[in-house]
Amino acid sequence: MVHSMTAFARVEQASAHGTLSWELRSVNHRYLEPQLRLPEALRDLEGAVRETLRQGLSRGKVECTLRFAEEAAGQALQVDQARATQLVAAAEIVAGLIQQPGPLNPLEVLAWPGVLVAASVDQQALNSAALNLFKQAMAELKNGRGREGAELAKLLNERLDSIQDEVLALRELVPQMLAGQRQKILARCAEMQVDLDPQRLEQELLLLAQKSDVAEELDRLSTHVSEVRRVLKAGGAAGRRLDFLMQELNREANTLGSKAFDTRSTQAAINLKVLIEQMREQVQNIE
């Protein structure tokens, strides 16, 4: 199965210390490019998160955002008495410098940084919970990429069917178009009443037929179509190989167009180029 590089995942988990939530957004990119947004208290997870991404994905720009809403309800407030005492003493010194100092507000003392101390958190347990939750988010992201990849493969196979139909139709038309071209040349010569050497005329007609022969291009198109189907069926990190095959298909369609000598072959070349371009746009999203 092939995977898309576009997906979204969000997971959330409540714990005794608060609520952890991960949001993962993935879009197409030439390489794997993680972008991490972590709370300062959980910054130590960055290395483990990057390694998990590297093991799970091969391409894509992946934005990973971790949020931690600390649970304050039910936790006893703790006062750093030494710091509060220092703060009050400093306030009294300042008050002695003022002629009519106002009373010291206890709430203002509590609002000073470091006076109220948060309950200690088991950092190791919190890190472990956040990393396990990230692995769940990764599994959800990969499932989303897999579902979209299956849809992309379906669309590509439909375009491949249309390309194969164009190739088969043109292959059947080529002898008819060559015969028609031959008759046009003979009719034009008869109109002009030109006396030509029959042997030389046959040589020129044979040379024209060789220049207009597109059997090789049609064979290569069929071969590339079969290879694209094989790569899609094999799955894995197939995006770069599929992108190369799109270039090869486009090359053969261009050659086919340059050899066109009939409106039907010209139209077939245009149809092929449209189908290949539609496939190329979809392939850009495949991992």
C-alpha atoms as a PDB file:
ATOM      1  CA  MET A   1       0.000   0.000   0.000  1.00  0.00           C
ATOM      2  CA  VAL A   2       1.230   3.501  -0.812  1.00  0.00           C
ATOM      3  CA  HIS A   3       0.775   6.295   1.711  1.00  0.00           C
ATOM      4  CA  SER A   4      -0.147   9.911   1.252  1.00  0.00           C
ATOM      5  CA  MET A   5       1.932  12.591   2.959  1.00  0.00           C
ATOM      6  CA  THR A   6      -1.189  14.569   3.902  1.00  0.00           C
ATOM      7  CA  ALA A   7      -3.001  13.725   7.135  1.00  0.00           C
ATOM      8  CA  PHE A   8      -4.065  15.051  10.550  1.00  0.00           C
ATOM      9  CA  ALA A   9      -4.209  13.403  13.968  1.00  0.00           C
ATOM     10  CA  ARG A  10      -5.218  14.582  17.438  1.00  0.00           C
ATOM     11  CA  VAL A  11      -5.144  12.616  20.678  1.00  0.00           C
ATOM     12  CA  GLU A  12      -5.760  13.689  24.277  1.00  0.00           C
ATOM     13  CA  GLN A  13      -5.244  12.079  27.653  1.00  0.00           C
ATOM     14  CA  ALA A  14      -6.116  13.246  31.168  1.00  0.00           C
ATOM     15  CA  SER A  15      -3.874  12.392  34.111  1.00  0.00           C
ATOM     16  CA  ALA A  16      -3.505  13.305  37.763  1.00  0.00           C
ATOM     17  CA  HIS A  17      -1.188  16.169  36.847  1.00  0.00           C
ATOM     18  CA  GLY A  18      -3.253  17.572  33.983  1.00  0.00           C
ATOM     19  CA  THR A  19      -4.300  16.992  30.367  1.00  0.00           C
ATOM     20  CA  LEU A  20      -1.855  16.140  27.587  1.00  0.00           C
ATOM     21  CA  SER A  21      -2.835  16.601  23.936  1.00  0.00           C
ATOM     22  CA  TRP A  22      -0.910  16.081  20.679  1.00  0.00           C
ATOM     23  CA  GLU A  23      -1.797  17.555  17.288  1.00  0.00           C
ATOM     24  CA  LEU A  24       0.041  16.238  14.216  1.00  0.00           C
ATOM     25  CA  ARG A  25      -0.292  17.839  10.777  1.00  0.00           C
ATOM     26  CA  SER A  26       1.458  16.289   7.794  1.00  0.00           C
ATOM     27  CA  VAL A  27       1.831  17.731   4.275  1.00  0.00           C
ATOM     28  CA  ASN A  28       3.920  16.790   1.270  1.00  0.00           C
ATOM     29  CA  HIS A  29       7.631  17.579   1.269  1.00  0.00           C
ATOM     30  CA  ARG A  30      10.680  16.315  -0.557  1.00  0.00           C
ATOM     31  CA  TYR A  31      12.233  14.982   2.666  1.00  0.00           C
ATOM     32  CA  LEU A  32      11.166  14.306   6.252  1.00  0.00           C
ATOM     33  CA  GLU A  33      11.003  17.687   8.018  1.00  0.00           C
ATOM     34  CA  PRO A  34       9.694  17.640  11.613  1.00  0.00           C
ATOM     35  CA  GLN A  35       8.587  20.890  13.263  1.00  0.00           C
ATOM     36  CA  LEU A  36       8.102  20.491  17.019  1.00  0.00           C
ATOM     37  CA  ARG A  37       6.272  22.774  19.431  1.00  0.00           C
ATOM     38  CA  LEU A  38       6.697  21.524  23.006  1.00  0.00           C
ATOM     39  CA  PRO A  39       6.042  23.138  26.406  1.00  0.00           C
ATOM     40  CA  GLU A  40       9.231  24.136  28.200  1.00  0.00           C
ATOM     41  CA  ALA A  41       8.569  21.569  30.924  1.00  0.00           C
ATOM     42  CA  LEU A  42       8.547  18.767  28.311  1.00  0.00           C
ATOM     43  CA  ARG A  43      11.384  19.989  26.103  1.00  0.00           C
ATOM     44  CA  ASP A  44      13.435  16.880  26.986  1.00  0.00           C
ATOM     45  CA  LEU A  45      11.115  14.813  24.762  1.00  0.00           C
ATOM     46  CA  GLU A  46      12.401  16.381  21.536  1.00  0.00           C
ATOM     47  CA  GLY A  47      15.039  13.740  20.795  1.00  0.00           C
ATOM     48  CA  ALA A  48      12.692  10.802  21.406  1.00  0.00           C
ATOM     49  CA  VAL A  49       9.924  12.415  19.324  1.00  0.00           C
ATOM     50  CA  ARG A  50      12.275  13.004  16.383  1.00  0.00           C
ATOM     51  CA  GLU A  51      13.490   9.410  16.532  1.00  0.00           C
ATOM     52  CA  THR A  52       9.918   8.081  16.596  1.00  0.00           C
ATOM     53  CA  LEU A  53       9.104  10.193  13.544  1.00  0.00           C
ATOM     54  CA  ARG A  54      12.224   8.992  11.720  1.00  0.00           C
ATOM     55  CA  GLN A  55      11.345   5.356  12.341  1.00  0.00           C
ATOM     56  CA  GLY A  56       7.700   5.761  11.333  1.00  0.00           C
ATOM     57  CA  LEU A  57       7.832   8.100   8.320  1.00  0.00           C
ATOM     58  CA  SER A  58      10.189   8.618   5.396  1.00  0.00           C
ATOM     59  CA  ARG A  59       8.892  11.869   3.846  1.00  0.00           C
ATOM     60  CA  GLY A  60       6.649  14.803   4.643  1.00  0.00           C
ATOM     61  CA  LYS A  61       6.636  18.052   6.584  1.00  0.00           C
ATOM     62  CA  VAL A  62       5.186  17.116   9.983  1.00  0.00           C
ATOM     63  CA  GLU A  63       4.084  19.737  12.535  1.00  0.00           C
ATOM     64  CA  CYS A  64       3.896  18.241  16.040  1.00  0.00           C
ATOM     65  CA  THR A  65       2.294  20.335  18.769  1.00  0.00           C
ATOM     66  CA  LEU A  66       2.129  19.172  22.394  1.00  0.00           C
ATOM     67  CA  ARG A  67      -0.077  20.994  24.917  1.00  0.00           C
ATOM     68  CA  PHE A  68      -0.134  20.405  28.657  1.00  0.00           C
ATOM     69  CA  ALA A  69      -2.929  21.890  30.775  1.00  0.00           C
ATOM     70  CA  GLU A  70      -1.800  21.446  34.365  1.00  0.00           C
ATOM     71  CA  GLU A  71      -4.522  20.366  36.813  1.00  0.00           C
ATOM     72  CA  ALA A  72      -4.643  22.848  39.692  1.00  0.00           C
ATOM     73  CA  ALA A  73      -7.951  21.818  41.293  1.00  0.00           C
ATOM     74  CA  GLY A  74      -7.567  19.813  44.498  1.00  0.00           C
ATOM     75  CA  GLN A  75      -3.877  20.669  44.914  1.00  0.00           C
ATOM     76  CA  ALA A  76      -2.850  22.277  48.201  1.00  0.00           C
ATOM     77  CA  LEU A  77      -1.243  25.712  47.909  1.00  0.00           C
ATOM     78  CA  GLN A  78       2.317  25.807  49.223  1.00  0.00           C
ATOM     79  CA  VAL A  79       4.061  28.997  50.309  1.00  0.00           C
ATOM     80  CA  ASP A  80       7.817  29.415  50.187  1.00  0.00           C
ATOM     81  CA  GLN A  81       8.052  30.955  53.677  1.00  0.00           C
ATOM     82  CA  ALA A  82      11.722  31.901  53.386  1.00  0.00           C
ATOM     83  CA  ARG A  83      11.117  33.812  50.172  1.00  0.00           C
ATOM     84  CA  ALA A  84       7.978  35.464  51.588  1.00  0.00           C
ATOM     85  CA  THR A  85       9.940  36.530  54.702  1.00  0.00           C
ATOM     86  CA  GLN A  86      12.659  38.063  52.526  1.00  0.00           C
ATOM     87  CA  LEU A  87      10.048  39.877  50.472  1.00  0.00           C
ATOM     88  CA  VAL A  88       8.305  41.317  53.573  1.00  0.00           C
ATOM     89  CA  ALA A  89      11.643  42.431  55.022  1.00  0.00           C
ATOM     90  CA  ALA A  90      12.535  44.185  51.786  1.00  0.00           C
ATOM     91  CA  ALA A  91       9.117  45.851  51.737  1.00  0.00           C
ATOM     92  CA  GLU A  92       9.636  47.145  55.298  1.00  0.00           C
ATOM     93  CA  ILE A  93      12.985  48.652  54.349  1.00  0.00           C
ATOM     94  CA  VAL A  94      11.351  50.440  51.417  1.00  0.00           C
ATOM     95  CA  ALA A  95       8.482  51.561  53.693  1.00  0.00           C
ATOM     96  CA  GLY A  96      11.035  53.184  56.054  1.00  0.00           C
ATOM     97  CA  LEU A  97      12.137  55.428  53.192  1.00  0.00           C
ATOM     98  CA  ILE A  98       8.581  56.678  52.619  1.00  0.00           C
ATOM     99  CA  GLN A  99       6.985  59.261  54.905  1.00  0.00           C
ATOM    100  CA  GLN A 100       3.499  57.774  54.826  1.00  0.00           C
ATOM    101  CA  PRO A 101       3.740  54.190  53.557  1.00  0.00           C
ATOM    102  CA  GLY A 102       0.577  52.262  52.838  1.00  0.00           C
ATOM    103  CA  PRO A 103      -0.166  48.929  54.500  1.00  0.00           C
ATOM    104  CA  LEU A 104       1.421  45.817  52.992  1.00  0.00           C
ATOM    105  CA  ASN A 105      -1.170  43.708  51.115  1.00  0.00           C
ATOM    106  CA  PRO A 106      -0.666  39.956  51.740  1.00  0.00           C
ATOM    107  CA  LEU A 107      -2.166  39.117  48.338  1.00  0.00           C
ATOM    108  CA  GLU A 108       0.483  41.232  46.649  1.00  0.00           C
ATOM    109  CA  VAL A 109       3.128  39.223  48.484  1.00  0.00           C
ATOM    110  CA  LEU A 110       1.548  35.982  47.262  1.00  0.00           C
ATOM    111  CA  ALA A 111       1.507  37.316  43.678  1.00  0.00           C
ATOM    112  CA  TRP A 112       5.280  37.809  43.718  1.00  0.00           C
ATOM    113  CA  PRO A 113       7.088  35.194  41.597  1.00  0.00           C
ATOM    114  CA  GLY A 114       8.336  32.240  43.602  1.00  0.00           C
ATOM    115  CA  VAL A 115       6.254  32.825  46.747  1.00  0.00           C
ATOM    116  CA  LEU A 116       3.543  30.342  45.793  1.00  0.00           C
ATOM    117  CA  VAL A 117       5.163  27.012  44.933  1.00  0.00           C
ATOM    118  CA  ALA A 118       3.441  24.506  42.655  1.00  0.00           C
ATOM    119  CA  ALA A 119       3.128  20.944  43.846  1.00  0.00           C
ATOM    120  CA  SER A 120       5.992  18.804  42.623  1.00  0.00           C
ATOM    121  CA  VAL A 121       5.345  16.790  39.448  1.00  0.00           C
ATOM    122  CA  ASP A 122       6.751  13.347  38.697  1.00  0.00           C
ATOM    123  CA  GLN A 123       8.610  14.514  35.581  1.00  0.00           C
ATOM    124  CA  GLN A 124       9.647  11.034  34.489  1.00  0.00           C
ATOM    125  CA  ALA A 125       6.067   9.761  34.615  1.00  0.00           C
ATOM    126  CA  LEU A 126       4.849  12.854  32.757  1.00  0.00           C
ATOM    127  CA  ASN A 127       7.492  12.428  30.020  1.00  0.00           C
ATOM    128  CA  SER A 128       6.615   8.753  29.644  1.00  0.00           C
ATOM    129  CA  ALA A 129       2.890   9.525  29.371  1.00  0.00           C
ATOM    130  CA  ALA A 130       3.535  12.249  26.752  1.00  0.00           C
ATOM    131  CA  LEU A 131       5.763   9.956  24.665  1.00  0.00           C
ATOM    132  CA  ASN A 132       3.278   7.075  24.760  1.00  0.00           C
ATOM    133  CA  LEU A 133       0.523   9.467  23.740  1.00  0.00           C
ATOM    134  CA  PHE A 134       2.702  10.681  20.857  1.00  0.00           C
ATOM    135  CA  LYS A 135       3.042   7.093  19.612  1.00  0.00           C
ATOM    136  CA  GLN A 136      -0.749   6.832  19.608  1.00  0.00           C
ATOM    137  CA  ALA A 137      -0.955  10.043  17.589  1.00  0.00           C
ATOM    138  CA  MET A 138       1.641   8.662  15.178  1.00  0.00           C
ATOM    139  CA  ALA A 139      -0.409   5.493  14.672  1.00  0.00           C
ATOM    140  CA  GLU A 140      -3.503   7.603  13.940  1.00  0.00           C
ATOM    141  CA  LEU A 141      -1.524   9.802  11.543  1.00  0.00           C
ATOM    142  CA  LYS A 142      -0.148   6.796   9.662  1.00  0.00           C
ATOM    143  CA  ASN A 143      -3.630   5.296   9.394  1.00  0.00           C
ATOM    144  CA  GLY A 144      -4.868   8.562   7.898  1.00  0.00           C
ATOM    145  CA  ARG A 145      -1.963   8.664   5.450  1.00  0.00           C
ATOM    146  CA  GLY A 146      -2.715   5.060   4.520  1.00  0.00           C
ATOM    147  CA  ARG A 147      -6.404   5.740   3.849  1.00  0.00           C
ATOM    148  CA  GLU A 148      -5.617   8.723   1.657  1.00  0.00           C
ATOM    149  CA  GLY A 149      -2.856   6.743  -0.056  1.00  0.00           C
ATOM    150  CA  ALA A 150      -5.364   4.052  -0.992  1.00  0.00           C
ATOM    151  CA  GLU A 151      -7.598   6.693  -2.566  1.00  0.00           C
ATOM    152  CA  LEU A 152      -4.647   8.146  -4.483  1.00  0.00           C
ATOM    153  CA  ALA A 153      -3.719   4.689  -5.757  1.00  0.00           C
ATOM    154  CA  LYS A 154      -7.297   4.207  -6.943  1.00  0.00           C
ATOM    155  CA  LEU A 155      -7.223   7.516  -8.847  1.00  0.00           C
ATOM    156  CA  LEU A 156      -3.853   6.674 -10.396  1.00  0.00           C
ATOM    157  CA  ASN A 157      -5.046   3.252 -11.539  1.00  0.00           C
ATOM    158  CA  GLU A 158      -8.053   4.877 -13.197  1.00  0.00           C
ATOM    159  CA  ARG A 159      -5.727   7.214 -15.122  1.00  0.00           C
ATOM    160  CA  LEU A 160      -3.511   4.264 -16.043  1.00  0.00           C
ATOM    161  CA  ASP A 161      -6.558   2.478 -17.488  1.00  0.00           C
ATOM    162  CA  SER A 162      -7.305   5.557 -19.601  1.00  0.00           C
ATOM    163  CA  ILE A 163      -3.689   5.761 -20.805  1.00  0.00           C
ATOM    164  CA  GLN A 164      -3.748   2.092 -21.770  1.00  0.00           C
ATOM    165  CA  ASP A 165      -7.003   2.638 -23.671  1.00  0.00           C
ATOM    166  CA  GLU A 166      -5.433   5.541 -25.597  1.00  0.00           C
ATOM    167  CA  VAL A 167      -2.374   3.428 -26.433  1.00  0.00           C
ATOM    168  CA  LEU A 168      -4.451   0.478 -27.650  1.00  0.00           C
ATOM    169  CA  ALA A 169      -6.703   2.703 -29.752  1.00  0.00           C
ATOM    170  CA  LEU A 170      -3.755   4.497 -31.337  1.00  0.00           C
ATOM    171  CA  ARG A 171      -1.942   1.237 -32.019  1.00  0.00           C
ATOM    172  CA  GLU A 172      -4.944   0.033 -34.021  1.00  0.00           C
ATOM    173  CA  LEU A 173      -5.211   3.350 -35.895  1.00  0.00           C
ATOM    174  CA  VAL A 174      -1.550   3.616 -36.944  1.00  0.00           C
ATOM    175  CA  PRO A 175      -1.724   1.292 -39.999  1.00  0.00           C
ATOM    176  CA  GLN A 176      -4.901   3.034 -41.150  1.00  0.00           C
ATOM    177  CA  MET A 177      -3.347   6.486 -40.697  1.00  0.00           C
ATOM    178  CA  LEU A 178      -0.180   5.467 -42.575  1.00  0.00           C
ATOM    179  CA  ALA A 179      -2.257   4.094 -45.468  1.00  0.00           C
ATOM    180  CA  GLY A 180      -4.261   7.324 -45.555  1.00  0.00           C
ATOM    181  CA  GLN A 181      -1.066   9.383 -45.591  1.00  0.00           C
ATOM    182  CA  ARG A 182       0.255   7.297 -48.463  1.00  0.00           C
ATOM    183  CA  GLN A 183      -2.922   7.850 -50.476  1.00  0.00           C
ATOM    184  CA  LYS A 184      -2.768  11.610 -49.857  1.00  0.00           C
ATOM    185  CA  ILE A 185       0.785  11.775 -51.205  1.00  0.00           C
ATOM    186  CA  LEU A 186      -0.055   9.708 -54.269  1.00  0.00           C
ATOM    187  CA  ALA A 187      -3.161  11.812 -54.923  1.00  0.00           C
ATOM    188  CA  ARG A 188      -1.147  15.038 -54.580  1.00  0.00           C
ATOM    189  CA  CYS A 189       1.453  13.753 -57.043  1.00  0.00           C
ATOM    190  CA  ALA A 190      -1.282  12.803 -59.507  1.00  0.00           C
ATOM    191  CA  GLU A 191      -2.824  16.275 -59.136  1.00  0.00           C
ATOM    192  CA  MET A 192       0.468  17.939 -59.875  1.00  0.00           C
ATOM    193  CA  GLN A 193       0.976  15.557 -62.809  1.00  0.00           C
ATOM    194  CA  VAL A 194       4.521  14.916 -61.695  1.00  0.00           C
ATOM    195  CA  ASP A 195       6.334  12.082 -63.387  1.00  0.00           C
ATOM    196  CA  LEU A 196       8.180  10.335 -60.562  1.00  0.00           C
ATOM    197  CA  ASP A 197      10.352   7.277 -60.541  1.00  0.00           C
ATOM    198  CA  PRO A 198       8.140   4.578 -58.903  1.00  0.00           C
ATOM    199  CA  GLN A 199      11.112   3.074 -57.075  1.00  0.00           C
ATOM    200  CA  ARG A 200      12.195   6.451 -55.717  1.00  0.00           C
ATOM    201  CA  LEU A 201       8.608   7.212 -54.711  1.00  0.00           C
ATOM    202  CA  GLU A 202       8.407   3.948 -52.772  1.00  0.00           C
ATOM    203  CA  GLN A 203      11.671   4.748 -51.016  1.00  0.00           C
ATOM    204  CA  GLU A 204      10.365   8.177 -49.969  1.00  0.00           C
ATOM    205  CA  LEU A 205       7.080   6.694 -48.772  1.00  0.00           C
ATOM    206  CA  LEU A 206       8.984   4.050 -46.800  1.00  0.00           C
ATOM    207  CA  LEU A 207      11.174   6.733 -45.227  1.00  0.00           C
ATOM    208  CA  LEU A 208       8.065   8.729 -44.274  1.00  0.00           C
ATOM    209  CA  ALA A 209       6.508   5.637 -42.727  1.00  0.00           C
ATOM    210  CA  GLN A 210       9.670   5.026 -40.681  1.00  0.00           C
ATOM    211  CA  LYS A 211       9.734   8.615 -39.398  1.00  0.00           C
ATOM    212  CA  SER A 212       6.045   8.371 -38.483  1.00  0.00           C
ATOM    213  CA  ASP A 213       6.372   4.979 -36.805  1.00  0.00           C
ATOM    214  CA  VAL A 214       5.301   5.288 -33.157  1.00  0.00           C
ATOM    215  CA  ALA A 215       5.321   1.594 -32.266  1.00  0.00           C
ATOM    216  CA  GLU A 216       8.372   2.044 -30.035  1.00  0.00           C
ATOM    217  CA  GLU A 217       6.788   4.920 -28.118  1.00  0.00           C
ATOM    218  CA  LEU A 218       3.555   2.969 -27.664  1.00  0.00           C
ATOM    219  CA  ASP A 219       5.510  -0.045 -26.388  1.00  0.00           C
ATOM    220  CA  ARG A 220       7.365   2.126 -23.887  1.00  0.00           C
ATOM    221  CA  LEU A 221       4.156   3.737 -22.691  1.00  0.00           C
ATOM    222  CA  SER A 222       2.688   0.280 -22.038  1.00  0.00           C
ATOM    223  CA  THR A 223       5.854  -0.769 -20.220  1.00  0.00           C
ATOM    224  CA  HIS A 224       5.808   2.320 -18.004  1.00  0.00           C
ATOM    225  CA  VAL A 225       2.116   1.806 -17.237  1.00  0.00           C
ATOM    226  CA  SER A 226       2.874  -1.757 -16.091  1.00  0.00           C
ATOM    227  CA  GLU A 227       5.753  -0.520 -13.927  1.00  0.00           C
ATOM    228  CA  VAL A 228       3.588   2.148 -12.272  1.00  0.00           C
ATOM    229  CA  ARG A 229       1.000  -0.516 -11.444  1.00  0.00           C
ATOM    230  CA  ARG A 230       3.716  -2.731  -9.971  1.00  0.00           C
ATOM    231  CA  VAL A 231       5.101   0.083  -7.799  1.00  0.00           C
ATOM    232  CA  LEU A 232       1.621   0.992  -6.549  1.00  0.00           C
ATOM    233  CA  LYS A 233       0.946  -2.631  -5.651  1.00  0.00           C
ATOM    234  CA  ALA A 234       4.315  -3.057  -3.902  1.00  0.00           C
ATOM    235  CA  GLY A 235       3.668   0.033  -1.760  1.00  0.00           C
ATOM    236  CA  GLY A 236       6.185   1.439   0.698  1.00  0.00           C
ATOM    237  CA  ALA A 237       8.043   4.696   0.088  1.00  0.00           C
ATOM    238  CA  ALA A 238       7.204   4.837  -3.626  1.00  0.00           C
ATOM    239  CA  GLY A 239       6.796   8.571  -4.230  1.00  0.00           C
ATOM    240  CA  ARG A 240      10.209   9.285  -5.756  1.00  0.00           C
ATOM    241  CA  ARG A 241      10.073   6.272  -8.082  1.00  0.00           C
ATOM    242  CA  LEU A 242       6.569   7.188  -9.212  1.00  0.00           C
ATOM    243  CA  ASP A 243       7.699  10.759  -9.861  1.00  0.00           C
ATOM    244  CA  PHE A 244      10.499   9.430 -12.092  1.00  0.00           C
ATOM    245  CA  LEU A 245       8.034   7.218 -13.980  1.00  0.00           C
ATOM    246  CA  MET A 246       5.781  10.238 -14.575  1.00  0.00           C
ATOM    247  CA  GLN A 247       8.731  11.968 -16.243  1.00  0.00           C
ATOM    248  CA  GLU A 248       9.311   8.935 -18.472  1.00  0.00           C
ATOM    249  CA  LEU A 249       5.646   8.729 -19.440  1.00  0.00           C
ATOM    250  CA  ASN A 250       5.660  12.421 -20.288  1.00  0.00           C
ATOM    251  CA  ARG A 251       8.797  11.996 -22.402  1.00  0.00           C
ATOM    252  CA  GLU A 252       7.137   9.294 -24.534  1.00  0.00           C
ATOM    253  CA  ALA A 253       3.946  11.373 -24.897  1.00  0.00           C
ATOM    254  CA  ASN A 254       6.030  14.328 -26.107  1.00  0.00           C
ATOM    255  CA  THR A 255       7.819  12.152 -28.673  1.00  0.00           C
ATOM    256  CA  LEU A 256       4.476  10.789 -29.795  1.00  0.00           C
ATOM    257  CA  GLY A 257       3.208  14.331 -30.308  1.00  0.00           C
ATOM    258  CA  SER A 258       6.292  15.334 -32.318  1.00  0.00           C
ATOM    259  CA  LYS A 259       5.741  12.381 -34.677  1.00  0.00           C
ATOM    260  CA  ALA A 260       2.028  13.043 -35.122  1.00  0.00           C
ATOM    261  CA  PHE A 261       0.967  13.332 -38.772  1.00  0.00           C
ATOM    262  CA  ASP A 262      -2.772  12.935 -38.318  1.00  0.00           C
ATOM    263  CA  THR A 263      -5.314  14.821 -36.213  1.00  0.00           C
ATOM    264  CA  ARG A 264      -6.193  11.586 -34.430  1.00  0.00           C
ATOM    265  CA  SER A 265      -2.611  10.931 -33.323  1.00  0.00           C
ATOM    266  CA  THR A 266      -2.244  14.585 -32.293  1.00  0.00           C
ATOM    267  CA  GLN A 267      -5.391  14.348 -30.165  1.00  0.00           C
ATOM    268  CA  ALA A 268      -4.191  11.076 -28.625  1.00  0.00           C
ATOM    269  CA  ALA A 269      -0.872  12.712 -27.642  1.00  0.00           C
ATOM    270  CA  ILE A 270      -2.749  15.621 -26.024  1.00  0.00           C
ATOM    271  CA  ASN A 271      -5.037  13.238 -24.134  1.00  0.00           C
ATOM    272  CA  LEU A 272      -2.028  11.319 -22.866  1.00  0.00           C
ATOM    273  CA  LYS A 273      -0.283  14.463 -21.671  1.00  0.00           C
ATOM    274  CA  VAL A 274      -3.405  15.584 -19.791  1.00  0.00           C
ATOM    275  CA  LEU A 275      -3.730  12.199 -18.059  1.00  0.00           C
ATOM    276  CA  ILE A 276      -0.032  12.089 -17.171  1.00  0.00           C
ATOM    277  CA  GLU A 277      -0.146  15.618 -15.734  1.00  0.00           C
ATOM    278  CA  GLN A 278      -3.146  14.654 -13.584  1.00  0.00           C
ATOM    279  CA  MET A 279      -1.168  11.678 -12.298  1.00  0.00           C
ATOM    280  CA  ARG A 280       1.946  13.747 -11.680  1.00  0.00           C
ATOM    281  CA  GLU A 281      -0.002  16.152  -9.458  1.00  0.00           C
ATOM    282  CA  GLN A 282      -1.326  13.250  -7.377  1.00  0.00           C
ATOM    283  CA  VAL A 283       2.064  11.559  -7.160  1.00  0.00           C
ATOM    284  CA  GLN A 284       3.492  14.683  -5.439  1.00  0.00           C
ATOM    285  CA  ASN A 285       1.420  13.717  -2.371  1.00  0.00           C
ATOM    286  CA  ILE A 286       2.667  10.122  -2.151  1.00  0.00           C
ATOM    287  CA  GLU A 287       5.283   9.282   0.469  1.00  0.00           C
END
